[in-house]
Each structure stands twice: as structure tokens, then as C-alpha cells.
Amino acid sequence: MKNKNTFKDLPVILNTEELLSISKEITDMTLDIDSIENQKKRISPLRDEITILSKKFNNGYEIKSVHCRVEFNEPTIGKKSIIRSDTDQLIEILNMTAEEMQEDFNFESEPKQLEEFQEVNDG
């Protein structure tokens, strides 16, 4: 019978050069992973902004603070109308609060009127 050659997977001790090469690869891969993770951190806020913009685009509007005027006793006494200042569009009609229903009395002029009344009667 003739001799023949074969291959088997067996442990082989690595030399210094091979170990250095592996160490360099590990370092490079670790730095690559860190770079990718940092890019992912930058991607997340961008995705959030894209989502917000997509919703605005899809809805055709966005929610903003809009100046409105309040017209008291409109359309009827005890009601108030909220109207957009930019478009004059009626937004809603609400009941006036008890405080809003109080009329403005000019209390500053009362003492003077009281004095005049007293002078006429004391007169």
C-alpha cells in the first residue's frame, strides 16, 4: 500500500507576527463599530425629524399658536366667539365665565357722585 497525504484541522501555535496582525484587525474592527454606532446616533434624530415632516406633509397642516380675538356676547348674550386673527375664521363659541359676564362699572367716579349728592342734600 502506498502512502498518501491528507489534511486535518489541528491546533497551531500563532507566532508573534500573526498575533500582531490579529490585534490590528481587532482594533480596526472596534473602531469601525464605534464609528457606525456614532452614525446611528446621528441617524435617530434625523429619522425623528423625517417622521414629523412626513406627518405635516401627509396631513397638509401643522399645529401652531395662532393669535385669536375673543368677542364677548357674540353671537348671543352670555356667549363668546373665538375668531382667528389671520383669517377671521370663527373657531368656536363658548359660554362666558361668570367673571367675563360682569360688566365694567366705573367705581372711581362713584365717590365724586356721592359727594355731589351729599352737597345737594345738605345744601
PDB file of N, CA and C in Angstrom:
ATOM      1  N   MET A   1       0.830  -1.155   0.000  1.00  0.00           N
ATOM      2  CA  MET A   1       0.000   0.000   0.000  1.00  0.00           C
ATOM      3  C   MET A   1       0.882   1.228   0.000  1.00  0.00           C
ATOM      4  N   LYS A   2       0.432   2.261  -0.795  1.00  0.00           N
ATOM      5  CA  LYS A   2       1.200   3.492  -0.915  1.00  0.00           C
ATOM      6  C   LYS A   2       0.811   4.465   0.177  1.00  0.00           C
ATOM      7  N   ASN A   3       1.756   5.343   0.478  1.00  0.00           N
ATOM      8  CA  ASN A   3       1.470   6.442   1.398  1.00  0.00           C
ATOM      9  C   ASN A   3       0.641   7.497   0.696  1.00  0.00           C
ATOM     10  N   LYS A   4      -0.181   8.173   1.453  1.00  0.00           N
ATOM     11  CA  LYS A   4      -0.931   9.287   0.866  1.00  0.00           C
ATOM     12  C   LYS A   4      -0.969  10.436   1.845  1.00  0.00           C
ATOM     13  N   ASN A   5      -1.237  11.597   1.358  1.00  0.00           N
ATOM     14  CA  ASN A   5      -1.304  12.806   2.180  1.00  0.00           C
ATOM     15  C   ASN A   5      -2.760  13.185   2.445  1.00  0.00           C
ATOM     16  N   THR A   6      -2.956  13.792   3.606  1.00  0.00           N
ATOM     17  CA  THR A   6      -4.292  14.274   3.947  1.00  0.00           C
ATOM     18  C   THR A   6      -4.169  15.543   4.792  1.00  0.00           C
ATOM     19  N   PHE A   7      -5.250  16.220   4.956  1.00  0.00           N
ATOM     20  CA  PHE A   7      -5.264  17.427   5.804  1.00  0.00           C
ATOM     21  C   PHE A   7      -6.248  17.243   6.932  1.00  0.00           C
ATOM     22  N   LYS A   8      -5.868  17.709   8.117  1.00  0.00           N
ATOM     23  CA  LYS A   8      -6.736  17.673   9.284  1.00  0.00           C
ATOM     24  C   LYS A   8      -6.652  19.027   9.969  1.00  0.00           C
ATOM     25  N   ASP A   9      -7.780  19.482  10.522  1.00  0.00           N
ATOM     26  CA  ASP A   9      -7.790  20.730  11.272  1.00  0.00           C
ATOM     27  C   ASP A   9      -7.273  20.454  12.677  1.00  0.00           C
ATOM     28  N   LEU A  10      -6.109  21.027  12.986  1.00  0.00           N
ATOM     29  CA  LEU A  10      -5.450  20.786  14.257  1.00  0.00           C
ATOM     30  C   LEU A  10      -4.941  22.117  14.827  1.00  0.00           C
ATOM     31  N   PRO A  11      -4.778  22.246  16.122  1.00  0.00           N
ATOM     32  CA  PRO A  11      -4.263  23.492  16.709  1.00  0.00           C
ATOM     33  C   PRO A  11      -2.838  23.778  16.241  1.00  0.00           C
ATOM     34  N   VAL A  12      -2.630  25.072  15.953  1.00  0.00           N
ATOM     35  CA  VAL A  12      -1.286  25.506  15.563  1.00  0.00           C
ATOM     36  C   VAL A  12      -0.989  26.766  16.374  1.00  0.00           C
ATOM     37  N   ILE A  13       0.124  26.811  17.049  1.00  0.00           N
ATOM     38  CA  ILE A  13       0.513  27.964  17.857  1.00  0.00           C
ATOM     39  C   ILE A  13       0.827  29.125  16.916  1.00  0.00           C
ATOM     40  N   LEU A  14       0.258  30.322  17.254  1.00  0.00           N
ATOM     41  CA  LEU A  14       0.483  31.509  16.426  1.00  0.00           C
ATOM     42  C   LEU A  14       1.800  32.167  16.806  1.00  0.00           C
ATOM     43  N   ASN A  15       2.493  32.647  15.798  1.00  0.00           N
ATOM     44  CA  ASN A  15       3.738  33.343  16.086  1.00  0.00           C
ATOM     45  C   ASN A  15       3.448  34.826  16.387  1.00  0.00           C
ATOM     46  N   THR A  16       4.436  35.584  16.775  1.00  0.00           N
ATOM     47  CA  THR A  16       4.285  36.982  17.181  1.00  0.00           C
ATOM     48  C   THR A  16       3.718  37.842  16.058  1.00  0.00           C
ATOM     49  N   GLU A  17       4.173  37.639  14.879  1.00  0.00           N
ATOM     50  CA  GLU A  17       3.693  38.404  13.713  1.00  0.00           C
ATOM     51  C   GLU A  17       2.199  38.171  13.477  1.00  0.00           C
ATOM     52  N   GLU A  18       1.761  36.935  13.578  1.00  0.00           N
ATOM     53  CA  GLU A  18       0.347  36.597  13.391  1.00  0.00           C
ATOM     54  C   GLU A  18      -0.507  37.213  14.508  1.00  0.00           C
ATOM     55  N   LEU A  19      -0.006  37.166  15.741  1.00  0.00           N
ATOM     56  CA  LEU A  19      -0.717  37.758  16.866  1.00  0.00           C
ATOM     57  C   LEU A  19      -0.862  39.278  16.690  1.00  0.00           C
ATOM     58  N   LEU A  20       0.182  39.938  16.243  1.00  0.00           N
ATOM     59  CA  LEU A  20       0.131  41.377  15.991  1.00  0.00           C
ATOM     60  C   LEU A  20      -0.878  41.709  14.892  1.00  0.00           C
ATOM     61  N   SER A  21      -0.907  40.900  13.889  1.00  0.00           N
ATOM     62  CA  SER A  21      -1.852  41.102  12.786  1.00  0.00           C
ATOM     63  C   SER A  21      -3.296  40.975  13.285  1.00  0.00           C
ATOM     64  N   ILE A  22      -3.566  39.986  14.085  1.00  0.00           N
ATOM     65  CA  ILE A  22      -4.908  39.782  14.657  1.00  0.00           C
ATOM     66  C   ILE A  22      -5.282  40.961  15.553  1.00  0.00           C
ATOM     67  N   SER A  23      -4.317  41.398  16.360  1.00  0.00           N
ATOM     68  CA  SER A  23      -4.552  42.527  17.247  1.00  0.00           C
ATOM     69  C   SER A  23      -4.928  43.778  16.446  1.00  0.00           C
ATOM     70  N   LYS A  24      -4.249  44.022  15.350  1.00  0.00           N
ATOM     71  CA  LYS A  24      -4.538  45.171  14.477  1.00  0.00           C
ATOM     72  C   LYS A  24      -5.938  45.055  13.886  1.00  0.00           C
ATOM     73  N   GLU A  25      -6.325  43.897  13.441  1.00  0.00           N
ATOM     74  CA  GLU A  25      -7.668  43.675  12.876  1.00  0.00           C
ATOM     75  C   GLU A  25      -8.752  43.936  13.922  1.00  0.00           C
ATOM     76  N   ILE A  26      -8.525  43.435  15.140  1.00  0.00           N
ATOM     77  CA  ILE A  26      -9.499  43.658  16.220  1.00  0.00           C
ATOM     78  C   ILE A  26      -9.659  45.154  16.481  1.00  0.00           C
ATOM     79  N   THR A  27      -8.545  45.861  16.556  1.00  0.00           N
ATOM     80  CA  THR A  27      -8.574  47.300  16.801  1.00  0.00           C
ATOM     81  C   THR A  27      -9.321  48.030  15.680  1.00  0.00           C
ATOM     82  N   ASP A  28      -9.005  47.703  14.432  1.00  0.00           N
ATOM     83  CA  ASP A  28      -9.674  48.347  13.294  1.00  0.00           C
ATOM     84  C   ASP A  28     -11.179  48.073  13.301  1.00  0.00           C
ATOM     85  N   MET A  29     -11.559  46.847  13.576  1.00  0.00           N
ATOM     86  CA  MET A  29     -12.984  46.493  13.601  1.00  0.00           C
ATOM     87  C   MET A  29     -13.708  47.210  14.745  1.00  0.00           C
ATOM     88  N   THR A  30     -13.053  47.307  15.899  1.00  0.00           N
ATOM     89  CA  THR A  30     -13.653  48.007  17.040  1.00  0.00           C
ATOM     90  C   THR A  30     -13.887  49.476  16.696  1.00  0.00           C
ATOM     91  N   LEU A  31     -12.918  50.092  16.069  1.00  0.00           N
ATOM     92  CA  LEU A  31     -13.075  51.493  15.653  1.00  0.00           C
ATOM     93  C   LEU A  31     -14.184  51.642  14.612  1.00  0.00           C
ATOM     94  N   ASP A  32     -14.297  50.698  13.711  1.00  0.00           N
ATOM     95  CA  ASP A  32     -15.375  50.717  12.717  1.00  0.00           C
ATOM     96  C   ASP A  32     -16.741  50.629  13.398  1.00  0.00           C
ATOM     97  N   ILE A  33     -16.843  49.737  14.376  1.00  0.00           N
ATOM     98  CA  ILE A  33     -18.108  49.583  15.120  1.00  0.00           C
ATOM     99  C   ILE A  33     -18.464  50.884  15.830  1.00  0.00           C
ATOM    100  N   ASP A  34     -17.476  51.498  16.480  1.00  0.00           N
ATOM    101  CA  ASP A  34     -17.722  52.770  17.167  1.00  0.00           C
ATOM    102  C   ASP A  34     -18.207  53.836  16.185  1.00  0.00           C
ATOM    103  N   SER A  35     -17.591  53.885  15.029  1.00  0.00           N
ATOM    104  CA  SER A  35     -17.983  54.866  14.010  1.00  0.00           C
ATOM    105  C   SER A  35     -19.416  54.632  13.542  1.00  0.00           C
ATOM    106  N   ILE A  36     -19.761  53.377  13.323  1.00  0.00           N
ATOM    107  CA  ILE A  36     -21.122  53.031  12.889  1.00  0.00           C
ATOM    108  C   ILE A  36     -22.131  53.374  13.985  1.00  0.00           C
ATOM    109  N   GLU A  37     -21.790  53.090  15.245  1.00  0.00           N
ATOM    110  CA  GLU A  37     -22.693  53.407  16.347  1.00  0.00           C
ATOM    111  C   GLU A  37     -22.911  54.917  16.464  1.00  0.00           C
ATOM    112  N   ASN A  38     -21.845  55.706  16.263  1.00  0.00           N
ATOM    113  CA  ASN A  38     -21.979  57.157  16.290  1.00  0.00           C
ATOM    114  C   ASN A  38     -22.864  57.649  15.138  1.00  0.00           C
ATOM    115  N   GLN A  39     -22.730  57.004  13.988  1.00  0.00           N
ATOM    116  CA  GLN A  39     -23.585  57.366  12.852  1.00  0.00           C
ATOM    117  C   GLN A  39     -25.038  57.037  13.155  1.00  0.00           C
ATOM    118  N   LYS A  40     -25.273  55.912  13.826  1.00  0.00           N
ATOM    119  CA  LYS A  40     -26.643  55.536  14.198  1.00  0.00           C
ATOM    120  C   LYS A  40     -27.233  56.564  15.142  1.00  0.00           C
ATOM    121  N   LYS A  41     -26.410  57.084  16.067  1.00  0.00           N
ATOM    122  CA  LYS A  41     -26.880  58.105  16.995  1.00  0.00           C
ATOM    123  C   LYS A  41     -27.294  59.361  16.235  1.00  0.00           C
ATOM    124  N   ARG A  42     -26.594  59.672  15.152  1.00  0.00           N
ATOM    125  CA  ARG A  42     -26.957  60.832  14.338  1.00  0.00           C
ATOM    126  C   ARG A  42     -28.164  60.536  13.459  1.00  0.00           C
ATOM    127  N   ILE A  43     -28.352  59.283  13.115  1.00  0.00           N
ATOM    128  CA  ILE A  43     -29.475  58.886  12.265  1.00  0.00           C
ATOM    129  C   ILE A  43     -30.796  58.991  13.028  1.00  0.00           C
ATOM    130  N   SER A  44     -30.802  58.627  14.294  1.00  0.00           N
ATOM    131  CA  SER A  44     -32.036  58.608  15.072  1.00  0.00           C
ATOM    132  C   SER A  44     -32.738  59.971  15.112  1.00  0.00           C
ATOM    133  N   PRO A  45     -32.047  61.068  15.424  1.00  0.00           N
ATOM    134  CA  PRO A  45     -32.731  62.368  15.387  1.00  0.00           C
ATOM    135  C   PRO A  45     -33.211  62.745  13.985  1.00  0.00           C
ATOM    136  N   LEU A  46     -32.455  62.345  12.975  1.00  0.00           N
ATOM    137  CA  LEU A  46     -32.874  62.622  11.601  1.00  0.00           C
ATOM    138  C   LEU A  46     -34.157  61.870  11.268  1.00  0.00           C
ATOM    139  N   ARG A  47     -34.246  60.627  11.705  1.00  0.00           N
ATOM    140  CA  ARG A  47     -35.473  59.845  11.477  1.00  0.00           C
ATOM    141  C   ARG A  47     -36.660  60.492  12.181  1.00  0.00           C
ATOM    142  N   ASP A  48     -36.429  60.982  13.404  1.00  0.00           N
ATOM    143  CA  ASP A  48     -37.495  61.655  14.143  1.00  0.00           C
ATOM    144  C   ASP A  48     -37.988  62.882  13.382  1.00  0.00           C
ATOM    145  N   GLU A  49     -37.057  63.677  12.864  1.00  0.00           N
ATOM    146  CA  GLU A  49     -37.427  64.884  12.103  1.00  0.00           C
ATOM    147  C   GLU A  49     -38.154  64.510  10.813  1.00  0.00           C
ATOM    148  N   ILE A  50     -37.704  63.462  10.155  1.00  0.00           N
ATOM    149  CA  ILE A  50     -38.378  62.993   8.933  1.00  0.00           C
ATOM    150  C   ILE A  50     -39.810  62.586   9.253  1.00  0.00           C
ATOM    151  N   THR A  51     -40.019  61.913  10.378  1.00  0.00           N
ATOM    152  CA  THR A  51     -41.366  61.496  10.788  1.00  0.00           C
ATOM    153  C   THR A  51     -42.256  62.715  11.005  1.00  0.00           C
ATOM    154  N   ILE A  52     -41.740  63.728  11.697  1.00  0.00           N
ATOM    155  CA  ILE A  52     -42.513  64.949  11.938  1.00  0.00           C
ATOM    156  C   ILE A  52     -42.879  65.626  10.624  1.00  0.00           C
ATOM    157  N   LEU A  53     -41.903  65.775   9.743  1.00  0.00           N
ATOM    158  CA  LEU A  53     -42.158  66.422   8.448  1.00  0.00           C
ATOM    159  C   LEU A  53     -43.123  65.603   7.594  1.00  0.00           C
ATOM    160  N   SER A  54     -42.997  64.281   7.641  1.00  0.00           N
ATOM    161  CA  SER A  54     -43.896  63.417   6.868  1.00  0.00           C
ATOM    162  C   SER A  54     -45.338  63.571   7.333  1.00  0.00           C
ATOM    163  N   LYS A  55     -45.538  63.661   8.663  1.00  0.00           N
ATOM    164  CA  LYS A  55     -46.889  63.853   9.189  1.00  0.00           C
ATOM    165  C   LYS A  55     -47.459  65.189   8.729  1.00  0.00           C
ATOM    166  N   LYS A  56     -46.640  66.252   8.781  1.00  0.00           N
ATOM    167  CA  LYS A  56     -47.096  67.569   8.311  1.00  0.00           C
ATOM    168  C   LYS A  56     -47.489  67.495   6.838  1.00  0.00           C
ATOM    169  N   PHE A  57     -46.639  66.870   6.045  1.00  0.00           N
ATOM    170  CA  PHE A  57     -46.899  66.763   4.615  1.00  0.00           C
ATOM    171  C   PHE A  57     -48.170  65.970   4.354  1.00  0.00           C
ATOM    172  N   ASN A  58     -48.298  64.835   5.023  1.00  0.00           N
ATOM    173  CA  ASN A  58     -49.448  63.956   4.826  1.00  0.00           C
ATOM    174  C   ASN A  58     -50.749  64.629   5.262  1.00  0.00           C
ATOM    175  N   ASN A  59     -50.713  65.321   6.422  1.00  0.00           N
ATOM    176  CA  ASN A  59     -51.903  65.994   6.929  1.00  0.00           C
ATOM    177  C   ASN A  59     -52.223  67.271   6.157  1.00  0.00           C
ATOM    178  N   GLY A  60     -51.194  67.916   5.631  1.00  0.00           N
ATOM    179  CA  GLY A  60     -51.390  69.178   4.930  1.00  0.00           C
ATOM    180  C   GLY A  60     -51.492  70.361   5.880  1.00  0.00           C
ATOM    181  N   TYR A  61     -51.204  70.169   7.154  1.00  0.00           N
ATOM    182  CA  TYR A  61     -51.210  71.259   8.131  1.00  0.00           C
ATOM    183  C   TYR A  61     -50.282  70.907   9.285  1.00  0.00           C
ATOM    184  N   GLU A  62     -50.002  71.921  10.104  1.00  0.00           N
ATOM    185  CA  GLU A  62     -49.283  71.693  11.349  1.00  0.00           C
ATOM    186  C   GLU A  62     -49.935  72.541  12.430  1.00  0.00           C
ATOM    187  N   ILE A  63     -49.759  72.145  13.656  1.00  0.00           N
ATOM    188  CA  ILE A  63     -50.341  72.869  14.778  1.00  0.00           C
ATOM    189  C   ILE A  63     -49.375  73.980  15.188  1.00  0.00           C
ATOM    190  N   LYS A  64     -49.880  75.217  15.199  1.00  0.00           N
ATOM    191  CA  LYS A  64     -49.098  76.377  15.616  1.00  0.00           C
ATOM    192  C   LYS A  64     -49.960  77.233  16.523  1.00  0.00           C
ATOM    193  N   SER A  65     -49.303  78.068  17.302  1.00  0.00           N
ATOM    194  CA  SER A  65     -50.008  79.025  18.142  1.00  0.00           C
ATOM    195  C   SER A  65     -50.442  80.191  17.242  1.00  0.00           C
ATOM    196  N   VAL A  66     -51.751  80.425  17.159  1.00  0.00           N
ATOM    197  CA  VAL A  66     -52.298  81.464  16.289  1.00  0.00           C
ATOM    198  C   VAL A  66     -53.035  82.489  17.145  1.00  0.00           C
ATOM    199  N   HIS A  67     -52.762  83.760  16.894  1.00  0.00           N
ATOM    200  CA  HIS A  67     -53.438  84.833  17.633  1.00  0.00           C
ATOM    201  C   HIS A  67     -54.928  84.805  17.286  1.00  0.00           C
ATOM    202  N   CYS A  68     -55.765  84.895  18.326  1.00  0.00           N
ATOM    203  CA  CYS A  68     -57.210  84.914  18.145  1.00  0.00           C
ATOM    204  C   CYS A  68     -57.795  86.057  18.960  1.00  0.00           C
ATOM    205  N   ARG A  69     -58.902  86.588  18.512  1.00  0.00           N
ATOM    206  CA  ARG A  69     -59.590  87.600  19.304  1.00  0.00           C
ATOM    207  C   ARG A  69     -60.851  86.966  19.889  1.00  0.00           C
ATOM    208  N   VAL A  70     -61.258  87.497  21.026  1.00  0.00           N
ATOM    209  CA  VAL A  70     -62.438  86.997  21.718  1.00  0.00           C
ATOM    210  C   VAL A  70     -63.491  88.101  21.674  1.00  0.00           C
ATOM    211  N   GLU A  71     -64.630  87.786  21.112  1.00  0.00           N
ATOM    212  CA  GLU A  71     -65.737  88.743  21.053  1.00  0.00           C
ATOM    213  C   GLU A  71     -66.793  88.287  22.047  1.00  0.00           C
ATOM    214  N   PHE A  72     -67.004  89.116  23.083  1.00  0.00           N
ATOM    215  CA  PHE A  72     -67.948  88.782  24.140  1.00  0.00           C
ATOM    216  C   PHE A  72     -69.372  89.109  23.727  1.00  0.00           C
ATOM    217  N   ASN A  73     -70.302  88.326  24.264  1.00  0.00           N
ATOM    218  CA  ASN A  73     -71.732  88.454  23.965  1.00  0.00           C
ATOM    219  C   ASN A  73     -72.003  88.304  22.473  1.00  0.00           C
ATOM    220  N   GLU A  74     -71.235  87.485  21.832  1.00  0.00           N
ATOM    221  CA  GLU A  74     -71.414  87.155  20.416  1.00  0.00           C
ATOM    222  C   GLU A  74     -71.439  85.648  20.295  1.00  0.00           C
ATOM    223  N   PRO A  75     -72.322  85.038  19.609  1.00  0.00           N
ATOM    224  CA  PRO A  75     -73.415  85.597  18.813  1.00  0.00           C
ATOM    225  C   PRO A  75     -74.618  86.009  19.662  1.00  0.00           C
ATOM    226  N   THR A  76     -74.619  85.603  20.954  1.00  0.00           N
ATOM    227  CA  THR A  76     -75.728  85.990  21.818  1.00  0.00           C
ATOM    228  C   THR A  76     -75.160  86.379  23.179  1.00  0.00           C
ATOM    229  N   ILE A  77     -75.983  87.009  23.996  1.00  0.00           N
ATOM    230  CA  ILE A  77     -75.559  87.400  25.331  1.00  0.00           C
ATOM    231  C   ILE A  77     -75.196  86.141  26.120  1.00  0.00           C
ATOM    232  N   GLY A  78     -74.064  86.213  26.810  1.00  0.00           N
ATOM    233  CA  GLY A  78     -73.596  85.081  27.609  1.00  0.00           C
ATOM    234  C   GLY A  78     -72.687  84.136  26.846  1.00  0.00           C
ATOM    235  N   LYS A  79     -72.511  84.377  25.574  1.00  0.00           N
ATOM    236  CA  LYS A  79     -71.616  83.551  24.753  1.00  0.00           C
ATOM    237  C   LYS A  79     -70.418  84.402  24.339  1.00  0.00           C
ATOM    238  N   LYS A  80     -69.358  83.736  23.942  1.00  0.00           N
ATOM    239  CA  LYS A  80     -68.200  84.437  23.385  1.00  0.00           C
ATOM    240  C   LYS A  80     -67.722  83.680  22.154  1.00  0.00           C
ATOM    241  N   SER A  81     -67.297  84.431  21.169  1.00  0.00           N
ATOM    242  CA  SER A  81     -66.806  83.855  19.920  1.00  0.00           C
ATOM    243  C   SER A  81     -65.289  83.968  19.880  1.00  0.00           C
ATOM    244  N   ILE A  82     -64.619  82.877  19.521  1.00  0.00           N
ATOM    245  CA  ILE A  82     -63.169  82.868  19.348  1.00  0.00           C
ATOM    246  C   ILE A  82     -62.923  82.901  17.842  1.00  0.00           C
ATOM    247  N   ILE A  83     -62.196  83.933  17.384  1.00  0.00           N
ATOM    248  CA  ILE A  83     -62.004  84.155  15.948  1.00  0.00           C
ATOM    249  C   ILE A  83     -60.522  84.265  15.644  1.00  0.00           C
ATOM    250  N   ARG A  84     -60.072  83.526  14.631  1.00  0.00           N
ATOM    251  CA  ARG A  84     -58.676  83.608  14.190  1.00  0.00           C
ATOM    252  C   ARG A  84     -58.411  84.996  13.651  1.00  0.00           C
ATOM    253  N   SER A  85     -57.317  85.629  14.102  1.00  0.00           N
ATOM    254  CA  SER A  85     -56.984  86.966  13.622  1.00  0.00           C
ATOM    255  C   SER A  85     -56.424  86.937  12.206  1.00  0.00           C
ATOM    256  N   ASP A  86     -55.796  85.845  11.819  1.00  0.00           N
ATOM    257  CA  ASP A  86     -55.165  85.802  10.496  1.00  0.00           C
ATOM    258  C   ASP A  86     -56.164  85.546   9.370  1.00  0.00           C
ATOM    259  N   THR A  87     -57.268  84.842   9.666  1.00  0.00           N
ATOM    260  CA  THR A  87     -58.231  84.511   8.598  1.00  0.00           C
ATOM    261  C   THR A  87     -59.648  84.987   8.909  1.00  0.00           C
ATOM    262  N   ASP A  88     -59.859  85.553  10.107  1.00  0.00           N
ATOM    263  CA  ASP A  88     -61.197  85.950  10.567  1.00  0.00           C
ATOM    264  C   ASP A  88     -62.170  84.773  10.606  1.00  0.00           C
ATOM    265  N   GLN A  89     -61.657  83.575  10.732  1.00  0.00           N
ATOM    266  CA  GLN A  89     -62.492  82.375  10.792  1.00  0.00           C
ATOM    267  C   GLN A  89     -62.966  82.152  12.226  1.00  0.00           C
ATOM    268  N   LEU A  90     -64.261  81.897  12.374  1.00  0.00           N
ATOM    269  CA  LEU A  90     -64.827  81.569  13.672  1.00  0.00           C
ATOM    270  C   LEU A  90     -64.332  80.175  14.063  1.00  0.00           C
ATOM    271  N   ILE A  91     -63.667  80.082  15.211  1.00  0.00           N
ATOM    272  CA  ILE A  91     -63.096  78.813  15.661  1.00  0.00           C
ATOM    273  C   ILE A  91     -64.061  78.072  16.562  1.00  0.00           C
ATOM    274  N   GLU A  92     -64.623  78.799  17.552  1.00  0.00           N
ATOM    275  CA  GLU A  92     -65.572  78.150  18.452  1.00  0.00           C
ATOM    276  C   GLU A  92     -66.394  79.197  19.185  1.00  0.00           C
ATOM    277  N   ILE A  93     -67.533  78.762  19.677  1.00  0.00           N
ATOM    278  CA  ILE A  93     -68.403  79.593  20.502  1.00  0.00           C
ATOM    279  C   ILE A  93     -68.489  78.916  21.866  1.00  0.00           C
ATOM    280  N   LEU A  94     -68.188  79.687  22.908  1.00  0.00           N
ATOM    281  CA  LEU A  94     -68.164  79.150  24.265  1.00  0.00           C
ATOM    282  C   LEU A  94     -69.071  79.969  25.171  1.00  0.00           C
ATOM    283  N   ASN A  95     -69.439  79.392  26.294  1.00  0.00           N
ATOM    284  CA  ASN A  95     -70.154  80.150  27.311  1.00  0.00           C
ATOM    285  C   ASN A  95     -69.162  81.075  28.000  1.00  0.00           C
ATOM    286  N   MET A  96     -69.578  82.298  28.298  1.00  0.00           N
ATOM    287  CA  MET A  96     -68.737  83.223  29.030  1.00  0.00           C
ATOM    288  C   MET A  96     -68.661  82.758  30.485  1.00  0.00           C
ATOM    289  N   THR A  97     -67.532  83.018  31.123  1.00  0.00           N
ATOM    290  CA  THR A  97     -67.403  82.689  32.536  1.00  0.00           C
ATOM    291  C   THR A  97     -68.139  83.748  33.348  1.00  0.00           C
ATOM    292  N   ALA A  98     -68.389  83.469  34.621  1.00  0.00           N
ATOM    293  CA  ALA A  98     -69.071  84.426  35.497  1.00  0.00           C
ATOM    294  C   ALA A  98     -68.278  85.727  35.558  1.00  0.00           C
ATOM    295  N   GLU A  99     -66.971  85.626  35.610  1.00  0.00           N
ATOM    296  CA  GLU A  99     -66.117  86.813  35.654  1.00  0.00           C
ATOM    297  C   GLU A  99     -66.261  87.638  34.376  1.00  0.00           C
ATOM    298  N   GLU A 100     -66.304  86.964  33.244  1.00  0.00           N
ATOM    299  CA  GLU A 100     -66.441  87.668  31.967  1.00  0.00           C
ATOM    300  C   GLU A 100     -67.811  88.335  31.833  1.00  0.00           C
ATOM    301  N   MET A 101     -68.806  87.785  32.509  1.00  0.00           N
ATOM    302  CA  MET A 101     -70.156  88.330  32.396  1.00  0.00           C
ATOM    303  C   MET A 101     -70.344  89.584  33.254  1.00  0.00           C
ATOM    304  N   GLN A 102     -69.421  89.844  34.187  1.00  0.00           N
ATOM    305  CA  GLN A 102     -69.502  91.055  34.999  1.00  0.00           C
ATOM    306  C   GLN A 102     -69.249  92.261  34.117  1.00  0.00           C
ATOM    307  N   GLU A 103     -70.143  93.236  34.184  1.00  0.00           N
ATOM    308  CA  GLU A 103     -69.960  94.451  33.403  1.00  0.00           C
ATOM    309  C   GLU A 103     -68.924  95.320  34.079  1.00  0.00           C
ATOM    310  N   ASP A 104     -68.259  96.162  33.285  1.00  0.00           N
ATOM    311  CA  ASP A 104     -67.291  97.090  33.844  1.00  0.00           C
ATOM    312  C   ASP A 104     -68.036  98.262  34.462  1.00  0.00           C
ATOM    313  N   PHE A 105     -67.922  98.396  35.753  1.00  0.00           N
ATOM    314  CA  PHE A 105     -68.501  99.542  36.455  1.00  0.00           C
ATOM    315  C   PHE A 105     -67.382 100.515  36.747  1.00  0.00           C
ATOM    316  N   ASN A 106     -67.661 101.765  36.590  1.00  0.00           N
ATOM    317  CA  ASN A 106     -66.656 102.782  36.850  1.00  0.00           C
ATOM    318  C   ASN A 106     -66.787 103.210  38.302  1.00  0.00           C
ATOM    319  N   PHE A 107     -66.153 102.481  39.201  1.00  0.00           N
ATOM    320  CA  PHE A 107     -66.271 102.728  40.627  1.00  0.00           C
ATOM    321  C   PHE A 107     -65.509 103.981  41.053  1.00  0.00           C
ATOM    322  N   GLU A 108     -64.554 104.444  40.253  1.00  0.00           N
ATOM    323  CA  GLU A 108     -63.782 105.623  40.607  1.00  0.00           C
ATOM    324  C   GLU A 108     -64.657 106.877  40.630  1.00  0.00           C
ATOM    325  N   SER A 109     -65.669 106.939  39.790  1.00  0.00           N
ATOM    326  CA  SER A 109     -66.499 108.132  39.723  1.00  0.00           C
ATOM    327  C   SER A 109     -67.577 108.149  40.801  1.00  0.00           C
ATOM    328  N   GLU A 110     -67.832 107.044  41.459  1.00  0.00           N
ATOM    329  CA  GLU A 110     -68.878 106.976  42.474  1.00  0.00           C
ATOM    330  C   GLU A 110     -68.632 107.894  43.658  1.00  0.00           C
ATOM    331  N   PRO A 111     -67.420 107.948  44.218  1.00  0.00           N
ATOM    332  CA  PRO A 111     -67.237 108.843  45.369  1.00  0.00           C
ATOM    333  C   PRO A 111     -67.541 110.297  45.019  1.00  0.00           C
ATOM    334  N   LYS A 112     -67.156 110.724  43.815  1.00  0.00           N
ATOM    335  CA  LYS A 112     -67.426 112.106  43.404  1.00  0.00           C
ATOM    336  C   LYS A 112     -68.931 112.323  43.301  1.00  0.00           C
ATOM    337  N   GLN A 113     -69.653 111.373  42.699  1.00  0.00           N
ATOM    338  CA  GLN A 113     -71.102 111.487  42.581  1.00  0.00           C
ATOM    339  C   GLN A 113     -71.755 111.488  43.956  1.00  0.00           C
ATOM    340  N   LEU A 114     -71.203 110.695  44.869  1.00  0.00           N
ATOM    341  CA  LEU A 114     -71.729 110.633  46.230  1.00  0.00           C
ATOM    342  C   LEU A 114     -71.536 111.981  46.931  1.00  0.00           C
ATOM    343  N   GLU A 115     -70.363 112.597  46.734  1.00  0.00           N
ATOM    344  CA  GLU A 115     -70.102 113.911  47.307  1.00  0.00           C
ATOM    345  C   GLU A 115     -71.077 114.943  46.772  1.00  0.00           C
ATOM    346  N   GLU A 116     -71.302 114.936  45.437  1.00  0.00           N
ATOM    347  CA  GLU A 116     -72.242 115.879  44.841  1.00  0.00           C
ATOM    348  C   GLU A 116     -73.640 115.664  45.387  1.00  0.00           C
ATOM    349  N   PHE A 117     -74.040 114.403  45.563  1.00  0.00           N
ATOM    350  CA  PHE A 117     -75.362 114.082  46.109  1.00  0.00           C
ATOM    351  C   PHE A 117     -75.494 114.634  47.526  1.00  0.00           C
ATOM    352  N   GLN A 118     -74.424 114.441  48.334  1.00  0.00           N
ATOM    353  CA  GLN A 118     -74.455 114.913  49.719  1.00  0.00           C
ATOM    354  C   GLN A 118     -74.516 116.443  49.775  1.00  0.00           C
ATOM    355  N   GLU A 119     -73.787 117.128  48.875  1.00  0.00           N
ATOM    356  CA  GLU A 119     -73.786 118.589  48.855  1.00  0.00           C
ATOM    357  C   GLU A 119     -75.165 119.124  48.520  1.00  0.00           C
ATOM    358  N   VAL A 120     -75.831 118.496  47.550  1.00  0.00           N
ATOM    359  CA  VAL A 120     -77.153 118.948  47.138  1.00  0.00           C
ATOM    360  C   VAL A 120     -78.140 118.747  48.282  1.00  0.00           C
ATOM    361  N   ASN A 121     -78.040 117.593  48.939  1.00  0.00           N
ATOM    362  CA  ASN A 121     -78.982 117.289  50.023  1.00  0.00           C
ATOM    363  C   ASN A 121     -78.675 118.061  51.300  1.00  0.00           C
ATOM    364  N   ASP A 122     -77.411 118.403  51.526  1.00  0.00           N
ATOM    365  CA  ASP A 122     -77.043 119.156  52.720  1.00  0.00           C
ATOM    366  C   ASP A 122     -77.336 120.629  52.512  1.00  0.00           C
ATOM    367  N   GLY A 123     -77.352 121.046  51.291  1.00  0.00           N
ATOM    368  CA  GLY A 123     -77.492 122.301  50.772  1.00  0.00           C
ATOM    369  C   GLY A 123     -78.159 123.415  51.178  1.00  0.00           C
TER     370      GLY A 123
END
